[in-house]
Amino acid sequence: MLRILIPVLLIAFTVFCLVDVAKTEDDRVRNLPKLLWLALVLLFTPLGGIAWLVAGRERGSGALGRGGPRPRGPLGPDDDPDFLRGI
């Protein structure tokens, strides 16, 4: 069971990091160009993925980031200032 679980987890981690690098905007990538991060994650599994999570992406970004509270939009028409101005 362990012989199957470890490779599956490594593949899942690599795929997660590759998708995270690919979806991260270019201006939010730190230290290296995005294409080089993709190559590092792919070629140096799992060290490349760990390096990406620690040093490559901006703090608070990505799938697991803690970017703080997101601004809430209006909940209904009566909370929308544009709607109320039109009445």
PDB file of N, CA and C in Angstrom:
ATOM      1  N   MET A   1       0.827  -1.202   0.000  1.00  0.00           N
ATOM      2  CA  MET A   1       0.000   0.000   0.000  1.00  0.00           C
ATOM      3  C   MET A   1       0.867   1.260   0.000  1.00  0.00           C
ATOM      4  N   LEU A   2       1.915   1.222   0.803  1.00  0.00           N
ATOM      5  CA  LEU A   2       2.797   2.388   0.891  1.00  0.00           C
ATOM      6  C   LEU A   2       3.564   2.606  -0.408  1.00  0.00           C
ATOM      7  N   ARG A   3       3.849   1.533  -1.136  1.00  0.00           N
ATOM      8  CA  ARG A   3       4.543   1.640  -2.416  1.00  0.00           C
ATOM      9  C   ARG A   3       3.702   2.377  -3.455  1.00  0.00           C
ATOM     10  N   ILE A   4       2.420   2.344  -3.290  1.00  0.00           N
ATOM     11  CA  ILE A   4       1.525   3.037  -4.222  1.00  0.00           C
ATOM     12  C   ILE A   4       1.212   4.444  -3.729  1.00  0.00           C
ATOM     13  N   LEU A   5       1.051   4.600  -2.422  1.00  0.00           N
ATOM     14  CA  LEU A   5       0.633   5.883  -1.850  1.00  0.00           C
ATOM     15  C   LEU A   5       1.677   6.983  -2.041  1.00  0.00           C
ATOM     16  N   ILE A   6       2.939   6.680  -1.805  1.00  0.00           N
ATOM     17  CA  ILE A   6       3.983   7.707  -1.908  1.00  0.00           C
ATOM     18  C   ILE A   6       4.116   8.251  -3.333  1.00  0.00           C
ATOM     19  N   PRO A   7       4.206   7.412  -4.364  1.00  0.00           N
ATOM     20  CA  PRO A   7       4.270   7.974  -5.723  1.00  0.00           C
ATOM     21  C   PRO A   7       3.016   8.761  -6.117  1.00  0.00           C
ATOM     22  N   VAL A   8       1.862   8.310  -5.668  1.00  0.00           N
ATOM     23  CA  VAL A   8       0.626   9.034  -5.983  1.00  0.00           C
ATOM     24  C   VAL A   8       0.648  10.408  -5.323  1.00  0.00           C
ATOM     25  N   LEU A   9       1.093  10.480  -4.072  1.00  0.00           N
ATOM     26  CA  LEU A   9       1.186  11.777  -3.387  1.00  0.00           C
ATOM     27  C   LEU A   9       2.211  12.695  -4.049  1.00  0.00           C
ATOM     28  N   LEU A  10       3.326  12.150  -4.487  1.00  0.00           N
ATOM     29  CA  LEU A  10       4.334  12.962  -5.186  1.00  0.00           C
ATOM     30  C   LEU A  10       3.799  13.501  -6.508  1.00  0.00           C
ATOM     31  N   ILE A  11       3.085  12.670  -7.227  1.00  0.00           N
ATOM     32  CA  ILE A  11       2.499  13.129  -8.493  1.00  0.00           C
ATOM     33  C   ILE A  11       1.447  14.195  -8.237  1.00  0.00           C
ATOM     34  N   ALA A  12       0.604  13.984  -7.222  1.00  0.00           N
ATOM     35  CA  ALA A  12      -0.430  14.968  -6.905  1.00  0.00           C
ATOM     36  C   ALA A  12       0.191  16.300  -6.475  1.00  0.00           C
ATOM     37  N   PHE A  13       1.252  16.237  -5.667  1.00  0.00           N
ATOM     38  CA  PHE A  13       1.934  17.454  -5.228  1.00  0.00           C
ATOM     39  C   PHE A  13       2.558  18.190  -6.412  1.00  0.00           C
ATOM     40  N   THR A  14       3.184  17.454  -7.308  1.00  0.00           N
ATOM     41  CA  THR A  14       3.796  18.060  -8.492  1.00  0.00           C
ATOM     42  C   THR A  14       2.746  18.703  -9.387  1.00  0.00           C
ATOM     43  N   VAL A  15       1.644  18.011  -9.599  1.00  0.00           N
ATOM     44  CA  VAL A  15       0.569  18.570 -10.429  1.00  0.00           C
ATOM     45  C   VAL A  15      -0.001  19.827  -9.769  1.00  0.00           C
ATOM     46  N   PHE A  16      -0.210  19.781  -8.445  1.00  0.00           N
ATOM     47  CA  PHE A  16      -0.706  20.962  -7.735  1.00  0.00           C
ATOM     48  C   PHE A  16       0.232  22.153  -7.945  1.00  0.00           C
ATOM     49  N   CYS A  17       1.535  21.924  -7.766  1.00  0.00           N
ATOM     50  CA  CYS A  17       2.502  23.020  -7.911  1.00  0.00           C
ATOM     51  C   CYS A  17       2.576  23.515  -9.345  1.00  0.00           C
ATOM     52  N   LEU A  18       2.521  22.620 -10.319  1.00  0.00           N
ATOM     53  CA  LEU A  18       2.535  23.041 -11.725  1.00  0.00           C
ATOM     54  C   LEU A  18       1.324  23.906 -12.053  1.00  0.00           C
ATOM     55  N   VAL A  19       0.169  23.501 -11.596  1.00  0.00           N
ATOM     56  CA  VAL A  19      -1.051  24.286 -11.840  1.00  0.00           C
ATOM     57  C   VAL A  19      -0.966  25.626 -11.124  1.00  0.00           C
ATOM     58  N   ASP A  20      -0.438  25.617  -9.899  1.00  0.00           N
ATOM     59  CA  ASP A  20      -0.314  26.867  -9.146  1.00  0.00           C
ATOM     60  C   ASP A  20       0.634  27.837  -9.843  1.00  0.00           C
ATOM     61  N   VAL A  21       1.757  27.340 -10.336  1.00  0.00           N
ATOM     62  CA  VAL A  21       2.696  28.196 -11.078  1.00  0.00           C
ATOM     63  C   VAL A  21       2.018  28.734 -12.339  1.00  0.00           C
ATOM     64  N   ALA A  22       1.334  27.863 -13.056  1.00  0.00           N
ATOM     65  CA  ALA A  22       0.718  28.273 -14.317  1.00  0.00           C
ATOM     66  C   ALA A  22      -0.389  29.307 -14.103  1.00  0.00           C
ATOM     67  N   LYS A  23      -1.130  29.206 -13.020  1.00  0.00           N
ATOM     68  CA  LYS A  23      -2.247  30.121 -12.785  1.00  0.00           C
ATOM     69  C   LYS A  23      -1.831  31.418 -12.101  1.00  0.00           C
ATOM     70  N   THR A  24      -0.640  31.455 -11.525  1.00  0.00           N
ATOM     71  CA  THR A  24      -0.171  32.658 -10.850  1.00  0.00           C
ATOM     72  C   THR A  24       0.179  33.723 -11.883  1.00  0.00           C
ATOM     73  N   GLU A  25      -0.279  34.935 -11.637  1.00  0.00           N
ATOM     74  CA  GLU A  25       0.014  36.043 -12.551  1.00  0.00           C
ATOM     75  C   GLU A  25       1.512  36.334 -12.544  1.00  0.00           C
ATOM     76  N   ASP A  26       2.029  36.781 -13.684  1.00  0.00           N
ATOM     77  CA  ASP A  26       3.471  37.016 -13.834  1.00  0.00           C
ATOM     78  C   ASP A  26       4.018  38.021 -12.818  1.00  0.00           C
ATOM     79  N   ASP A  27       3.240  39.033 -12.476  1.00  0.00           N
ATOM     80  CA  ASP A  27       3.734  40.049 -11.552  1.00  0.00           C
ATOM     81  C   ASP A  27       3.708  39.580 -10.097  1.00  0.00           C
ATOM     82  N   ARG A  28       3.153  38.411  -9.814  1.00  0.00           N
ATOM     83  CA  ARG A  28       3.108  37.880  -8.450  1.00  0.00           C
ATOM     84  C   ARG A  28       4.138  36.774  -8.224  1.00  0.00           C
ATOM     85  N   VAL A  29       4.960  36.485  -9.236  1.00  0.00           N
ATOM     86  CA  VAL A  29       5.988  35.457  -9.128  1.00  0.00           C
ATOM     87  C   VAL A  29       7.269  36.113  -8.652  1.00  0.00           C
ATOM     88  N   ARG A  30       7.919  35.491  -7.645  1.00  0.00           N
ATOM     89  CA  ARG A  30       9.142  36.072  -7.082  1.00  0.00           C
ATOM     90  C   ARG A  30      10.372  35.278  -7.510  1.00  0.00           C
ATOM     91  N   ASN A  31      11.494  35.940  -7.515  1.00  0.00           N
ATOM     92  CA  ASN A  31      12.842  35.391  -7.630  1.00  0.00           C
ATOM     93  C   ASN A  31      13.239  34.850  -9.002  1.00  0.00           C
ATOM     94  N   LEU A  32      12.384  34.165  -9.726  1.00  0.00           N
ATOM     95  CA  LEU A  32      12.728  33.604 -11.030  1.00  0.00           C
ATOM     96  C   LEU A  32      11.568  33.828 -11.995  1.00  0.00           C
ATOM     97  N   PRO A  33      11.838  33.772 -13.293  1.00  0.00           N
ATOM     98  CA  PRO A  33      10.733  33.852 -14.257  1.00  0.00           C
ATOM     99  C   PRO A  33       9.815  32.628 -14.138  1.00  0.00           C
ATOM    100  N   LYS A  34       8.584  32.834 -14.527  1.00  0.00           N
ATOM    101  CA  LYS A  34       7.565  31.799 -14.397  1.00  0.00           C
ATOM    102  C   LYS A  34       7.939  30.513 -15.144  1.00  0.00           C
ATOM    103  N   LEU A  35       8.480  30.636 -16.330  1.00  0.00           N
ATOM    104  CA  LEU A  35       8.859  29.468 -17.123  1.00  0.00           C
ATOM    105  C   LEU A  35       9.945  28.655 -16.425  1.00  0.00           C
ATOM    106  N   LEU A  36      10.868  29.334 -15.777  1.00  0.00           N
ATOM    107  CA  LEU A  36      11.920  28.635 -15.044  1.00  0.00           C
ATOM    108  C   LEU A  36      11.352  27.922 -13.816  1.00  0.00           C
ATOM    109  N   TRP A  37      10.371  28.535 -13.154  1.00  0.00           N
ATOM    110  CA  TRP A  37       9.710  27.862 -12.032  1.00  0.00           C
ATOM    111  C   TRP A  37       9.000  26.599 -12.489  1.00  0.00           C
ATOM    112  N   LEU A  38       8.347  26.671 -13.646  1.00  0.00           N
ATOM    113  CA  LEU A  38       7.684  25.481 -14.180  1.00  0.00           C
ATOM    114  C   LEU A  38       8.689  24.353 -14.414  1.00  0.00           C
ATOM    115  N   ALA A  39       9.830  24.694 -14.977  1.00  0.00           N
ATOM    116  CA  ALA A  39      10.861  23.687 -15.234  1.00  0.00           C
ATOM    117  C   ALA A  39      11.412  23.114 -13.927  1.00  0.00           C
ATOM    118  N   LEU A  40      11.640  23.966 -12.943  1.00  0.00           N
ATOM    119  CA  LEU A  40      12.159  23.489 -11.660  1.00  0.00           C
ATOM    120  C   LEU A  40      11.182  22.556 -10.969  1.00  0.00           C
ATOM    121  N   VAL A  41       9.915  22.921 -10.968  1.00  0.00           N
ATOM    122  CA  VAL A  41       8.904  22.078 -10.329  1.00  0.00           C
ATOM    123  C   VAL A  41       8.815  20.733 -11.032  1.00  0.00           C
ATOM    124  N   LEU A  42       8.901  20.746 -12.337  1.00  0.00           N
ATOM    125  CA  LEU A  42       8.771  19.518 -13.103  1.00  0.00           C
ATOM    126  C   LEU A  42      10.018  18.625 -13.006  1.00  0.00           C
ATOM    127  N   LEU A  43      11.182  19.222 -13.049  1.00  0.00           N
ATOM    128  CA  LEU A  43      12.418  18.447 -13.077  1.00  0.00           C
ATOM    129  C   LEU A  43      12.906  17.993 -11.708  1.00  0.00           C
ATOM    130  N   PHE A  44      12.632  18.757 -10.675  1.00  0.00           N
ATOM    131  CA  PHE A  44      13.166  18.462  -9.345  1.00  0.00           C
ATOM    132  C   PHE A  44      12.044  18.169  -8.356  1.00  0.00           C
ATOM    133  N   THR A  45      11.280  17.137  -8.647  1.00  0.00           N
ATOM    134  CA  THR A  45      10.178  16.738  -7.772  1.00  0.00           C
ATOM    135  C   THR A  45      10.751  16.040  -6.551  1.00  0.00           C
ATOM    136  N   PRO A  46      10.330  16.310  -5.371  1.00  0.00           N
ATOM    137  CA  PRO A  46       9.421  17.320  -4.859  1.00  0.00           C
ATOM    138  C   PRO A  46      10.108  18.613  -4.439  1.00  0.00           C
ATOM    139  N   LEU A  47      11.442  18.668  -4.549  1.00  0.00           N
ATOM    140  CA  LEU A  47      12.172  19.859  -4.095  1.00  0.00           C
ATOM    141  C   LEU A  47      11.788  21.114  -4.870  1.00  0.00           C
ATOM    142  N   GLY A  48      11.533  20.979  -6.160  1.00  0.00           N
ATOM    143  CA  GLY A  48      11.116  22.135  -6.954  1.00  0.00           C
ATOM    144  C   GLY A  48       9.780  22.679  -6.492  1.00  0.00           C
ATOM    145  N   GLY A  49       8.845  21.793  -6.146  1.00  0.00           N
ATOM    146  CA  GLY A  49       7.547  22.233  -5.642  1.00  0.00           C
ATOM    147  C   GLY A  49       7.659  22.914  -4.288  1.00  0.00           C
ATOM    148  N   ILE A  50       8.493  22.357  -3.434  1.00  0.00           N
ATOM    149  CA  ILE A  50       8.704  22.983  -2.117  1.00  0.00           C
ATOM    150  C   ILE A  50       9.345  24.350  -2.285  1.00  0.00           C
ATOM    151  N   ALA A  51      10.327  24.447  -3.186  1.00  0.00           N
ATOM    152  CA  ALA A  51      10.969  25.744  -3.447  1.00  0.00           C
ATOM    153  C   ALA A  51       9.958  26.748  -3.979  1.00  0.00           C
ATOM    154  N   TRP A  52       9.055  26.304  -4.855  1.00  0.00           N
ATOM    155  CA  TRP A  52       8.025  27.202  -5.383  1.00  0.00           C
ATOM    156  C   TRP A  52       7.137  27.715  -4.255  1.00  0.00           C
ATOM    157  N   LEU A  53       6.682  26.827  -3.392  1.00  0.00           N
ATOM    158  CA  LEU A  53       5.790  27.235  -2.317  1.00  0.00           C
ATOM    159  C   LEU A  53       6.466  28.173  -1.327  1.00  0.00           C
ATOM    160  N   VAL A  54       7.772  27.970  -1.100  1.00  0.00           N
ATOM    161  CA  VAL A  54       8.485  28.788  -0.121  1.00  0.00           C
ATOM    162  C   VAL A  54       8.995  30.093  -0.724  1.00  0.00           C
ATOM    163  N   ALA A  55       9.612  30.024  -1.903  1.00  0.00           N
ATOM    164  CA  ALA A  55      10.317  31.186  -2.430  1.00  0.00           C
ATOM    165  C   ALA A  55       9.759  31.740  -3.729  1.00  0.00           C
ATOM    166  N   GLY A  56       8.872  31.032  -4.390  1.00  0.00           N
ATOM    167  CA  GLY A  56       8.457  31.460  -5.715  1.00  0.00           C
ATOM    168  C   GLY A  56       7.221  32.309  -5.772  1.00  0.00           C
ATOM    169  N   ARG A  57       6.221  31.954  -5.000  1.00  0.00           N
ATOM    170  CA  ARG A  57       4.991  32.729  -5.109  1.00  0.00           C
ATOM    171  C   ARG A  57       4.912  33.775  -4.012  1.00  0.00           C
ATOM    172  N   GLU A  58       4.190  34.809  -4.319  1.00  0.00           N
ATOM    173  CA  GLU A  58       4.024  35.904  -3.379  1.00  0.00           C
ATOM    174  C   GLU A  58       3.258  35.413  -2.164  1.00  0.00           C
ATOM    175  N   ARG A  59       3.605  35.889  -1.018  1.00  0.00           N
ATOM    176  CA  ARG A  59       2.915  35.478   0.206  1.00  0.00           C
ATOM    177  C   ARG A  59       1.439  35.829   0.106  1.00  0.00           C
ATOM    178  N   GLY A  60       0.597  34.887   0.506  1.00  0.00           N
ATOM    179  CA  GLY A  60      -0.841  35.124   0.497  1.00  0.00           C
ATOM    180  C   GLY A  60      -1.491  34.952  -0.854  1.00  0.00           C
ATOM    181  N   SER A  61      -0.803  34.345  -1.799  1.00  0.00           N
ATOM    182  CA  SER A  61      -1.411  34.130  -3.106  1.00  0.00           C
ATOM    183  C   SER A  61      -1.503  32.642  -3.388  1.00  0.00           C
ATOM    184  N   GLY A  62      -2.146  32.320  -4.491  1.00  0.00           N
ATOM    185  CA  GLY A  62      -2.251  30.927  -4.862  1.00  0.00           C
ATOM    186  C   GLY A  62      -3.413  30.214  -4.222  1.00  0.00           C
ATOM    187  N   ALA A  63      -3.470  28.913  -4.376  1.00  0.00           N
ATOM    188  CA  ALA A  63      -4.602  28.121  -3.922  1.00  0.00           C
ATOM    189  C   ALA A  63      -4.701  28.069  -2.414  1.00  0.00           C
ATOM    190  N   LEU A  64      -3.585  28.035  -1.724  1.00  0.00           N
ATOM    191  CA  LEU A  64      -3.618  27.903  -0.285  1.00  0.00           C
ATOM    192  C   LEU A  64      -3.295  29.213   0.433  1.00  0.00           C
ATOM    193  N   GLY A  65      -3.239  30.301  -0.289  1.00  0.00           N
ATOM    194  CA  GLY A  65      -2.835  31.568   0.304  1.00  0.00           C
ATOM    195  C   GLY A  65      -3.846  32.113   1.282  1.00  0.00           C
ATOM    196  N   ARG A  66      -3.316  32.910   2.199  1.00  0.00           N
ATOM    197  CA  ARG A  66      -4.164  33.579   3.175  1.00  0.00           C
ATOM    198  C   ARG A  66      -4.071  35.066   2.908  1.00  0.00           C
ATOM    199  N   GLY A  67      -4.734  35.520   1.886  1.00  0.00           N
ATOM    200  CA  GLY A  67      -4.634  36.897   1.451  1.00  0.00           C
ATOM    201  C   GLY A  67      -5.449  37.865   2.269  1.00  0.00           C
ATOM    202  N   GLY A  68      -6.037  37.414   3.342  1.00  0.00           N
ATOM    203  CA  GLY A  68      -6.861  38.280   4.159  1.00  0.00           C
ATOM    204  C   GLY A  68      -8.303  38.240   3.688  1.00  0.00           C
ATOM    205  N   PRO A  69      -9.144  38.993   4.357  1.00  0.00           N
ATOM    206  CA  PRO A  69     -10.555  38.956   3.978  1.00  0.00           C
ATOM    207  C   PRO A  69     -10.786  39.573   2.609  1.00  0.00           C
ATOM    208  N   ARG A  70     -11.622  38.940   1.844  1.00  0.00           N
ATOM    209  CA  ARG A  70     -11.962  39.469   0.532  1.00  0.00           C
ATOM    210  C   ARG A  70     -13.044  40.522   0.693  1.00  0.00           C
ATOM    211  N   PRO A  71     -12.972  41.572  -0.132  1.00  0.00           N
ATOM    212  CA  PRO A  71     -14.025  42.577  -0.041  1.00  0.00           C
ATOM    213  C   PRO A  71     -15.360  41.980  -0.470  1.00  0.00           C
ATOM    214  N   ARG A  72     -16.361  42.243   0.328  1.00  0.00           N
ATOM    215  CA  ARG A  72     -17.690  41.723   0.017  1.00  0.00           C
ATOM    216  C   ARG A  72     -18.416  42.673  -0.906  1.00  0.00           C
ATOM    217  N   GLY A  73     -19.068  42.131  -1.875  1.00  0.00           N
ATOM    218  CA  GLY A  73     -19.893  42.917  -2.772  1.00  0.00           C
ATOM    219  C   GLY A  73     -21.281  43.076  -2.181  1.00  0.00           C
ATOM    220  N   PRO A  74     -22.128  43.799  -2.852  1.00  0.00           N
ATOM    221  CA  PRO A  74     -23.496  43.967  -2.366  1.00  0.00           C
ATOM    222  C   PRO A  74     -24.205  42.615  -2.280  1.00  0.00           C
ATOM    223  N   LEU A  75     -25.030  42.458  -1.259  1.00  0.00           N
ATOM    224  CA  LEU A  75     -25.735  41.197  -1.063  1.00  0.00           C
ATOM    225  C   LEU A  75     -27.058  41.161  -1.814  1.00  0.00           C
ATOM    226  N   GLY A  76     -27.680  42.271  -1.966  1.00  0.00           N
ATOM    227  CA  GLY A  76     -28.965  42.319  -2.655  1.00  0.00           C
ATOM    228  C   GLY A  76     -29.140  43.672  -3.318  1.00  0.00           C
ATOM    229  N   PRO A  77     -30.223  43.861  -4.068  1.00  0.00           N
ATOM    230  CA  PRO A  77     -30.414  45.134  -4.760  1.00  0.00           C
ATOM    231  C   PRO A  77     -30.506  46.324  -3.811  1.00  0.00           C
ATOM    232  N   ASP A  78     -31.068  46.112  -2.626  1.00  0.00           N
ATOM    233  CA  ASP A  78     -31.202  47.235  -1.697  1.00  0.00           C
ATOM    234  C   ASP A  78     -29.863  47.614  -1.054  1.00  0.00           C
ATOM    235  N   ASP A  79     -28.833  46.771  -1.183  1.00  0.00           N
ATOM    236  CA  ASP A  79     -27.507  47.090  -0.668  1.00  0.00           C
ATOM    237  C   ASP A  79     -26.586  47.650  -1.744  1.00  0.00           C
ATOM    238  N   ASP A  80     -27.025  47.666  -2.981  1.00  0.00           N
ATOM    239  CA  ASP A  80     -26.209  48.114  -4.102  1.00  0.00           C
ATOM    240  C   ASP A  80     -26.408  49.612  -4.312  1.00  0.00           C
ATOM    241  N   PRO A  81     -25.374  50.432  -4.099  1.00  0.00           N
ATOM    242  CA  PRO A  81     -25.523  51.882  -4.246  1.00  0.00           C
ATOM    243  C   PRO A  81     -25.947  52.303  -5.656  1.00  0.00           C
ATOM    244  N   ASP A  82     -25.450  51.610  -6.684  1.00  0.00           N
ATOM    245  CA  ASP A  82     -25.842  51.958  -8.053  1.00  0.00           C
ATOM    246  C   ASP A  82     -27.329  51.711  -8.278  1.00  0.00           C
ATOM    247  N   PHE A  83     -27.849  50.643  -7.734  1.00  0.00           N
ATOM    248  CA  PHE A  83     -29.264  50.342  -7.876  1.00  0.00           C
ATOM    249  C   PHE A  83     -30.104  51.393  -7.154  1.00  0.00           C
ATOM    250  N   LEU A  84     -29.668  51.773  -5.956  1.00  0.00           N
ATOM    251  CA  LEU A  84     -30.436  52.751  -5.187  1.00  0.00           C
ATOM    252  C   LEU A  84     -30.410  54.135  -5.829  1.00  0.00           C
ATOM    253  N   ARG A  85     -29.305  54.498  -6.486  1.00  0.00           N
ATOM    254  CA  ARG A  85     -29.237  55.775  -7.186  1.00  0.00           C
ATOM    255  C   ARG A  85     -30.208  55.813  -8.358  1.00  0.00           C
ATOM    256  N   GLY A  86     -30.459  54.665  -8.967  1.00  0.00           N
ATOM    257  CA  GLY A  86     -31.350  54.606 -10.132  1.00  0.00           C
ATOM    258  C   GLY A  86     -32.830  54.642  -9.785  1.00  0.00           C
ATOM    259  N   ILE A  87     -33.160  54.547  -8.520  1.00  0.00           N
ATOM    260  CA  ILE A  87     -34.582  54.544  -8.106  1.00  0.00           C
ATOM    261  C   ILE A  87     -35.140  55.950  -8.075  1.00  0.00           C
TER     262      ILE A  87
END
